[in-house]
Amino acid sequence: MIKQLILPFVAVLLLAYVKLSEAESEPKSIMMGSSLAAPNSGGRRRLCWTRWFNSDRPRGSGDWETLKNLRQEYPRKICRRPRAIQAVTARKEIPAERTNQKFYSYNPRRGFVCRNKDQKRGRCRDYKVRFRCPCRRRH
């Protein structure tokens, strides 16, 4: 009987922890990707947001803020495996999800791509992105 009660209790505690963690993360927009911390030998590793990156403008085929291009332009500024990504408009910081634009790619593995040809009217807005990575240790 006690074993049957423990599992739901642990599940509720875990859910509460995840909700509190998400509430403290302060994102203005929806995080694309996992928001859970990666475990290490000492328990959970804290996750932090990188600075904002904006390497492309929506001229030509669209706005390409790909992880590959950003890593080339900003070496060692983005972790090996980002856990989440956020995108906002470069000028007014409107969350990408609220712009009513369609995105070709929006995930922490590939980055963010808005193609002009996918839009109903006009071209993509100029976006900037940031990634959620394990916090760097300070010495």
N, C-alpha and C. Protein backbone atom coordinates (compact mmCIF):
# COMPACT_ATOMS: atom_id res chain seq x y z
N MET A 1 0.82 -1.20 0.00
CA MET A 1 0.00 0.00 0.00
C MET A 1 0.87 1.26 0.00
N ILE A 2 1.90 1.27 0.83
CA ILE A 2 2.77 2.44 0.90
C ILE A 2 3.51 2.64 -0.42
N LYS A 3 3.98 1.55 -1.04
CA LYS A 3 4.67 1.66 -2.32
C LYS A 3 3.77 2.27 -3.38
N GLN A 4 2.48 1.96 -3.34
CA GLN A 4 1.54 2.49 -4.32
C GLN A 4 1.34 3.99 -4.13
N LEU A 5 1.51 4.49 -2.93
CA LEU A 5 1.35 5.91 -2.66
C LEU A 5 2.62 6.70 -2.95
N ILE A 6 3.76 6.07 -2.85
CA ILE A 6 5.03 6.78 -3.03
C ILE A 6 5.21 7.26 -4.46
N LEU A 7 4.94 6.43 -5.45
CA LEU A 7 5.15 6.80 -6.84
C LEU A 7 4.36 8.05 -7.25
N PRO A 8 3.05 8.12 -6.98
CA PRO A 8 2.33 9.36 -7.33
C PRO A 8 2.86 10.58 -6.57
N PHE A 9 3.26 10.39 -5.34
CA PHE A 9 3.79 11.49 -4.53
C PHE A 9 5.09 12.02 -5.15
N VAL A 10 5.98 11.13 -5.54
CA VAL A 10 7.23 11.52 -6.18
C VAL A 10 6.95 12.23 -7.50
N ALA A 11 6.00 11.73 -8.26
CA ALA A 11 5.65 12.36 -9.54
C ALA A 11 5.14 13.78 -9.34
N VAL A 12 4.33 14.00 -8.33
CA VAL A 12 3.81 15.34 -8.03
C VAL A 12 4.95 16.27 -7.63
N LEU A 13 5.86 15.79 -6.80
CA LEU A 13 7.01 16.60 -6.39
C LEU A 13 7.88 16.98 -7.59
N LEU A 14 8.12 16.04 -8.47
CA LEU A 14 8.92 16.30 -9.66
C LEU A 14 8.25 17.33 -10.56
N LEU A 15 6.96 17.19 -10.75
CA LEU A 15 6.21 18.16 -11.56
C LEU A 15 6.27 19.55 -10.96
N ALA A 16 6.12 19.65 -9.65
CA ALA A 16 6.19 20.95 -8.97
C ALA A 16 7.57 21.56 -9.15
N TYR A 17 8.62 20.76 -9.05
CA TYR A 17 9.97 21.25 -9.23
C TYR A 17 10.17 21.79 -10.64
N VAL A 18 9.70 21.07 -11.64
CA VAL A 18 9.84 21.50 -13.03
C VAL A 18 9.09 22.81 -13.25
N LYS A 19 7.88 22.92 -12.73
CA LYS A 19 7.10 24.15 -12.90
C LYS A 19 7.79 25.33 -12.24
N LEU A 20 8.34 25.15 -11.04
CA LEU A 20 9.06 26.22 -10.37
C LEU A 20 10.31 26.61 -11.15
N SER A 21 11.02 25.64 -11.67
CA SER A 21 12.22 25.91 -12.46
C SER A 21 11.87 26.72 -13.70
N GLU A 22 10.79 26.37 -14.36
CA GLU A 22 10.37 27.10 -15.56
C GLU A 22 9.94 28.52 -15.21
N ALA A 23 9.28 28.70 -14.09
CA ALA A 23 8.82 30.03 -13.69
C ALA A 23 9.99 30.95 -13.40
N GLU A 24 11.10 30.40 -12.89
CA GLU A 24 12.26 31.21 -12.56
C GLU A 24 13.11 31.54 -13.77
N SER A 25 12.87 30.89 -14.89
CA SER A 25 13.74 31.08 -16.05
C SER A 25 13.45 32.37 -16.82
N GLU A 26 12.42 33.10 -16.50
CA GLU A 26 12.07 34.42 -17.01
C GLU A 26 11.98 34.61 -18.51
N PRO A 27 11.73 33.60 -19.32
CA PRO A 27 11.71 33.88 -20.75
C PRO A 27 10.53 34.76 -21.15
N LYS A 28 10.80 35.67 -22.10
CA LYS A 28 9.74 36.49 -22.65
C LYS A 28 8.91 35.69 -23.64
N SER A 29 9.52 34.68 -24.20
CA SER A 29 8.84 33.89 -25.21
C SER A 29 8.95 32.41 -24.87
N ILE A 30 8.33 31.62 -25.67
CA ILE A 30 8.34 30.18 -25.46
C ILE A 30 9.73 29.64 -25.72
N MET A 31 10.18 28.74 -24.87
CA MET A 31 11.47 28.09 -25.09
C MET A 31 11.25 26.90 -26.00
N MET A 32 12.01 26.80 -27.05
CA MET A 32 11.93 25.65 -27.93
C MET A 32 13.02 24.68 -27.52
N GLY A 33 12.63 23.49 -27.10
CA GLY A 33 13.59 22.50 -26.66
C GLY A 33 13.34 22.14 -25.21
N SER A 34 14.21 21.35 -24.67
CA SER A 34 14.06 20.89 -23.30
C SER A 34 14.42 21.98 -22.31
N SER A 35 13.67 22.09 -21.23
CA SER A 35 13.99 23.09 -20.22
C SER A 35 14.54 22.46 -18.95
N LEU A 36 14.75 21.16 -18.95
CA LEU A 36 15.27 20.50 -17.76
C LEU A 36 16.79 20.58 -17.73
N ALA A 37 17.34 20.69 -16.54
CA ALA A 37 18.79 20.74 -16.38
C ALA A 37 19.39 19.37 -16.65
N ALA A 38 20.59 19.37 -17.16
CA ALA A 38 21.29 18.12 -17.42
C ALA A 38 21.95 17.62 -16.15
N PRO A 39 21.79 16.35 -15.81
CA PRO A 39 22.39 15.85 -14.59
C PRO A 39 23.91 15.74 -14.71
N ASN A 40 24.60 15.95 -13.61
CA ASN A 40 26.03 15.69 -13.55
C ASN A 40 26.30 14.91 -12.27
N SER A 41 27.55 14.69 -11.95
CA SER A 41 27.86 13.85 -10.80
C SER A 41 27.37 14.44 -9.49
N GLY A 42 27.21 15.76 -9.41
CA GLY A 42 26.76 16.39 -8.18
C GLY A 42 25.27 16.69 -8.17
N GLY A 43 24.52 16.14 -9.08
CA GLY A 43 23.08 16.42 -9.15
C GLY A 43 22.75 17.12 -10.45
N ARG A 44 21.99 18.20 -10.35
CA ARG A 44 21.58 18.93 -11.56
C ARG A 44 22.53 20.09 -11.82
N ARG A 45 22.76 20.32 -13.10
CA ARG A 45 23.57 21.46 -13.50
C ARG A 45 22.66 22.61 -13.85
N ARG A 46 22.99 23.78 -13.37
CA ARG A 46 22.18 24.95 -13.69
C ARG A 46 22.32 25.30 -15.17
N LEU A 47 21.25 25.82 -15.73
CA LEU A 47 21.26 26.26 -17.12
C LEU A 47 21.17 27.78 -17.16
N CYS A 48 21.88 28.37 -18.10
CA CYS A 48 21.90 29.83 -18.26
C CYS A 48 21.67 30.16 -19.73
N TRP A 49 21.20 31.37 -19.97
CA TRP A 49 21.03 31.84 -21.34
C TRP A 49 22.32 32.46 -21.83
N THR A 50 22.64 32.24 -23.09
CA THR A 50 23.77 32.92 -23.71
C THR A 50 23.36 34.37 -23.96
N ARG A 51 24.27 35.15 -24.46
CA ARG A 51 23.92 36.50 -24.94
C ARG A 51 23.07 36.34 -26.20
N TRP A 52 22.51 37.42 -26.69
CA TRP A 52 21.73 37.39 -27.93
C TRP A 52 22.68 37.42 -29.12
N PHE A 53 22.33 36.68 -30.17
CA PHE A 53 23.12 36.64 -31.41
C PHE A 53 22.23 37.05 -32.58
N ASN A 54 22.79 37.88 -33.47
CA ASN A 54 22.07 38.30 -34.67
C ASN A 54 23.09 38.43 -35.79
N SER A 55 23.29 37.37 -36.53
CA SER A 55 24.35 37.36 -37.54
C SER A 55 23.84 37.60 -38.96
N ASP A 56 22.54 37.60 -39.16
CA ASP A 56 21.99 37.70 -40.51
C ASP A 56 20.86 38.72 -40.54
N ARG A 57 20.59 39.23 -41.71
CA ARG A 57 19.46 40.14 -41.94
C ARG A 57 18.51 39.45 -42.91
N PRO A 58 17.23 39.81 -42.90
CA PRO A 58 16.25 39.09 -43.74
C PRO A 58 16.28 39.43 -45.22
N ARG A 59 17.36 40.01 -45.69
CA ARG A 59 17.50 40.25 -47.13
C ARG A 59 17.64 38.91 -47.85
N GLY A 60 17.50 38.92 -49.13
CA GLY A 60 17.70 37.69 -49.91
C GLY A 60 16.65 36.65 -49.59
N SER A 61 17.08 35.48 -49.13
CA SER A 61 16.14 34.37 -48.92
C SER A 61 15.49 34.35 -47.55
N GLY A 62 15.96 35.16 -46.60
CA GLY A 62 15.35 35.18 -45.27
C GLY A 62 16.35 35.48 -44.18
N ASP A 63 15.99 35.17 -42.95
CA ASP A 63 16.86 35.40 -41.79
C ASP A 63 17.36 34.05 -41.29
N TRP A 64 18.65 33.82 -41.42
CA TRP A 64 19.27 32.53 -41.12
C TRP A 64 20.18 32.67 -39.90
N GLU A 65 19.65 32.35 -38.74
CA GLU A 65 20.42 32.36 -37.48
C GLU A 65 20.72 30.91 -37.10
N THR A 66 21.43 30.21 -37.99
CA THR A 66 21.69 28.79 -37.76
C THR A 66 22.80 28.60 -36.74
N LEU A 67 22.73 27.51 -36.02
CA LEU A 67 23.73 27.20 -35.01
C LEU A 67 25.12 27.09 -35.66
N LYS A 68 25.18 26.48 -36.82
CA LYS A 68 26.45 26.32 -37.53
C LYS A 68 27.08 27.68 -37.85
N ASN A 69 26.29 28.59 -38.43
CA ASN A 69 26.81 29.92 -38.78
C ASN A 69 27.18 30.72 -37.54
N LEU A 70 26.35 30.65 -36.51
CA LEU A 70 26.63 31.40 -35.28
C LEU A 70 27.91 30.90 -34.61
N ARG A 71 28.13 29.61 -34.64
CA ARG A 71 29.37 29.06 -34.04
C ARG A 71 30.60 29.53 -34.80
N GLN A 72 30.48 29.67 -36.12
CA GLN A 72 31.61 30.16 -36.92
C GLN A 72 31.89 31.63 -36.61
N GLU A 73 30.82 32.41 -36.48
CA GLU A 73 30.98 33.84 -36.24
C GLU A 73 31.35 34.15 -34.78
N TYR A 74 30.89 33.32 -33.86
CA TYR A 74 31.14 33.54 -32.43
C TYR A 74 31.74 32.27 -31.82
N PRO A 75 33.01 31.98 -32.10
CA PRO A 75 33.62 30.74 -31.60
C PRO A 75 33.59 30.66 -30.07
N ARG A 76 33.29 29.47 -29.57
CA ARG A 76 33.27 29.15 -28.13
C ARG A 76 32.26 29.96 -27.31
N LYS A 77 31.27 30.55 -27.95
CA LYS A 77 30.26 31.32 -27.22
C LYS A 77 28.98 30.53 -27.00
N ILE A 78 28.83 29.40 -27.71
CA ILE A 78 27.62 28.57 -27.59
C ILE A 78 28.06 27.15 -27.25
N CYS A 79 27.42 26.56 -26.27
CA CYS A 79 27.79 25.22 -25.82
C CYS A 79 27.62 24.18 -26.93
N ARG A 80 28.18 23.01 -26.68
CA ARG A 80 28.13 21.93 -27.67
C ARG A 80 26.72 21.46 -27.96
N ARG A 81 25.90 21.33 -26.92
CA ARG A 81 24.52 20.85 -27.08
C ARG A 81 23.54 21.77 -26.36
N PRO A 82 23.11 22.85 -27.01
CA PRO A 82 22.13 23.73 -26.36
C PRO A 82 20.86 22.97 -26.01
N ARG A 83 20.27 23.32 -24.88
CA ARG A 83 19.05 22.64 -24.41
C ARG A 83 17.78 23.32 -24.91
N ALA A 84 17.87 24.62 -25.23
CA ALA A 84 16.69 25.36 -25.69
C ALA A 84 17.15 26.57 -26.50
N ILE A 85 16.21 27.17 -27.20
CA ILE A 85 16.48 28.36 -28.01
C ILE A 85 15.31 29.33 -27.84
N GLN A 86 15.60 30.61 -27.89
CA GLN A 86 14.57 31.66 -27.93
C GLN A 86 14.90 32.57 -29.10
N ALA A 87 13.87 33.06 -29.75
CA ALA A 87 14.04 34.02 -30.84
C ALA A 87 13.07 35.17 -30.62
N VAL A 88 13.57 36.39 -30.79
CA VAL A 88 12.74 37.60 -30.70
C VAL A 88 13.14 38.52 -31.84
N THR A 89 12.27 39.46 -32.18
CA THR A 89 12.62 40.43 -33.21
C THR A 89 13.78 41.28 -32.69
N ALA A 90 14.67 41.65 -33.59
CA ALA A 90 15.89 42.34 -33.20
C ALA A 90 15.63 43.72 -32.59
N ARG A 91 14.66 44.45 -33.12
CA ARG A 91 14.46 45.83 -32.64
C ARG A 91 13.52 45.93 -31.44
N LYS A 92 12.35 45.33 -31.52
CA LYS A 92 11.36 45.51 -30.45
C LYS A 92 11.27 44.32 -29.50
N GLU A 93 12.07 43.30 -29.75
CA GLU A 93 12.10 42.09 -28.91
C GLU A 93 10.74 41.42 -28.75
N ILE A 94 10.01 41.36 -29.85
CA ILE A 94 8.73 40.64 -29.86
C ILE A 94 9.03 39.16 -30.02
N PRO A 95 8.50 38.30 -29.14
CA PRO A 95 8.76 36.86 -29.28
C PRO A 95 8.36 36.37 -30.67
N ALA A 96 9.20 35.54 -31.25
CA ALA A 96 8.96 35.03 -32.60
C ALA A 96 7.58 34.40 -32.73
N GLU A 97 7.13 33.71 -31.69
CA GLU A 97 5.84 33.03 -31.73
C GLU A 97 4.67 33.99 -31.87
N ARG A 98 4.88 35.26 -31.57
CA ARG A 98 3.79 36.25 -31.64
C ARG A 98 3.81 37.07 -32.92
N THR A 99 4.69 36.77 -33.84
CA THR A 99 4.80 37.57 -35.07
C THR A 99 3.92 37.07 -36.20
N ASN A 100 3.31 35.92 -36.04
CA ASN A 100 2.49 35.30 -37.09
C ASN A 100 3.30 34.96 -38.34
N GLN A 101 4.60 34.80 -38.18
CA GLN A 101 5.42 34.36 -39.30
C GLN A 101 5.67 32.86 -39.18
N LYS A 102 5.97 32.25 -40.33
CA LYS A 102 6.26 30.81 -40.35
C LYS A 102 7.77 30.62 -40.32
N PHE A 103 8.21 29.58 -39.60
CA PHE A 103 9.64 29.34 -39.46
C PHE A 103 10.01 27.98 -40.04
N TYR A 104 11.04 27.99 -40.83
CA TYR A 104 11.54 26.76 -41.45
C TYR A 104 12.24 25.89 -40.40
N SER A 105 12.95 26.53 -39.49
CA SER A 105 13.64 25.82 -38.41
C SER A 105 13.61 26.68 -37.16
N TYR A 106 13.31 26.05 -36.03
CA TYR A 106 13.31 26.77 -34.74
C TYR A 106 13.53 25.72 -33.66
N ASN A 107 14.77 25.31 -33.48
CA ASN A 107 15.09 24.30 -32.47
C ASN A 107 16.55 24.45 -32.04
N PRO A 108 16.90 23.94 -30.87
CA PRO A 108 18.26 24.14 -30.35
C PRO A 108 19.34 23.35 -31.10
N ARG A 109 18.97 22.38 -31.89
CA ARG A 109 19.97 21.61 -32.64
C ARG A 109 20.42 22.33 -33.91
N ARG A 110 19.50 22.98 -34.58
CA ARG A 110 19.83 23.63 -35.86
C ARG A 110 19.87 25.15 -35.77
N GLY A 111 19.11 25.71 -34.85
CA GLY A 111 19.02 27.16 -34.76
C GLY A 111 17.69 27.65 -35.31
N PHE A 112 17.71 28.86 -35.84
CA PHE A 112 16.48 29.53 -36.26
C PHE A 112 16.60 29.95 -37.72
N VAL A 113 15.58 29.61 -38.51
CA VAL A 113 15.55 30.02 -39.92
C VAL A 113 14.14 30.48 -40.26
N CYS A 114 14.05 31.70 -40.77
CA CYS A 114 12.79 32.23 -41.29
C CYS A 114 13.04 32.50 -42.78
N ARG A 115 12.30 31.80 -43.65
CA ARG A 115 12.48 31.97 -45.09
C ARG A 115 11.42 32.93 -45.63
N ASN A 116 11.86 33.88 -46.44
CA ASN A 116 10.94 34.86 -47.02
C ASN A 116 9.85 34.18 -47.85
N LYS A 117 10.19 33.14 -48.58
CA LYS A 117 9.22 32.49 -49.45
C LYS A 117 8.09 31.79 -48.68
N ASP A 118 8.26 31.54 -47.39
CA ASP A 118 7.23 30.89 -46.58
C ASP A 118 6.21 31.87 -46.00
N GLN A 119 6.46 33.17 -46.16
CA GLN A 119 5.59 34.18 -45.54
C GLN A 119 4.43 34.54 -46.47
N LYS A 120 3.28 34.79 -45.87
CA LYS A 120 2.10 35.18 -46.66
C LYS A 120 2.31 36.55 -47.30
N ARG A 121 2.81 37.48 -46.49
CA ARG A 121 3.04 38.84 -46.98
C ARG A 121 4.45 39.29 -46.64
N GLY A 122 5.13 39.81 -47.62
CA GLY A 122 6.43 40.41 -47.37
C GLY A 122 7.52 39.42 -47.00
N ARG A 123 8.48 39.95 -46.27
CA ARG A 123 9.61 39.14 -45.89
C ARG A 123 9.68 38.96 -44.38
N CYS A 124 10.60 38.12 -43.98
CA CYS A 124 10.79 37.85 -42.55
C CYS A 124 11.26 39.10 -41.83
N ARG A 125 10.93 39.18 -40.58
CA ARG A 125 11.49 40.22 -39.74
C ARG A 125 12.94 39.85 -39.42
N ASP A 126 13.66 40.80 -38.86
CA ASP A 126 15.03 40.53 -38.41
C ASP A 126 14.94 39.98 -36.99
N TYR A 127 15.48 38.79 -36.78
CA TYR A 127 15.41 38.13 -35.48
C TYR A 127 16.79 38.00 -34.84
N LYS A 128 16.79 37.91 -33.53
CA LYS A 128 18.00 37.54 -32.80
C LYS A 128 17.65 36.33 -31.94
N VAL A 129 18.65 35.53 -31.62
CA VAL A 129 18.41 34.29 -30.88
C VAL A 129 19.38 34.18 -29.71
N ARG A 130 18.99 33.35 -28.75
CA ARG A 130 19.90 32.97 -27.67
C ARG A 130 19.62 31.52 -27.32
N PHE A 131 20.60 30.90 -26.69
CA PHE A 131 20.53 29.47 -26.38
C PHE A 131 20.65 29.24 -24.88
N ARG A 132 20.03 28.16 -24.44
CA ARG A 132 20.10 27.77 -23.03
C ARG A 132 21.13 26.65 -22.92
N CYS A 133 22.17 26.91 -22.13
CA CYS A 133 23.31 26.00 -22.01
C CYS A 133 23.67 25.81 -20.54
N PRO A 134 24.45 24.77 -20.23
CA PRO A 134 24.96 24.66 -18.86
C PRO A 134 25.74 25.92 -18.51
N CYS A 135 25.54 26.44 -17.32
CA CYS A 135 26.23 27.66 -16.88
C CYS A 135 27.73 27.40 -16.85
N ARG A 136 28.47 28.41 -17.21
CA ARG A 136 29.94 28.31 -17.14
C ARG A 136 30.37 28.51 -15.70
N ARG A 137 31.39 27.78 -15.33
CA ARG A 137 31.91 27.91 -13.96
C ARG A 137 32.81 29.12 -13.89
N ARG A 138 32.68 29.85 -12.80
CA ARG A 138 33.54 31.02 -12.58
C ARG A 138 34.67 30.62 -11.65
N HIS A 139 35.86 31.07 -12.00
CA HIS A 139 37.04 30.71 -11.19
C HIS A 139 37.37 31.82 -10.22
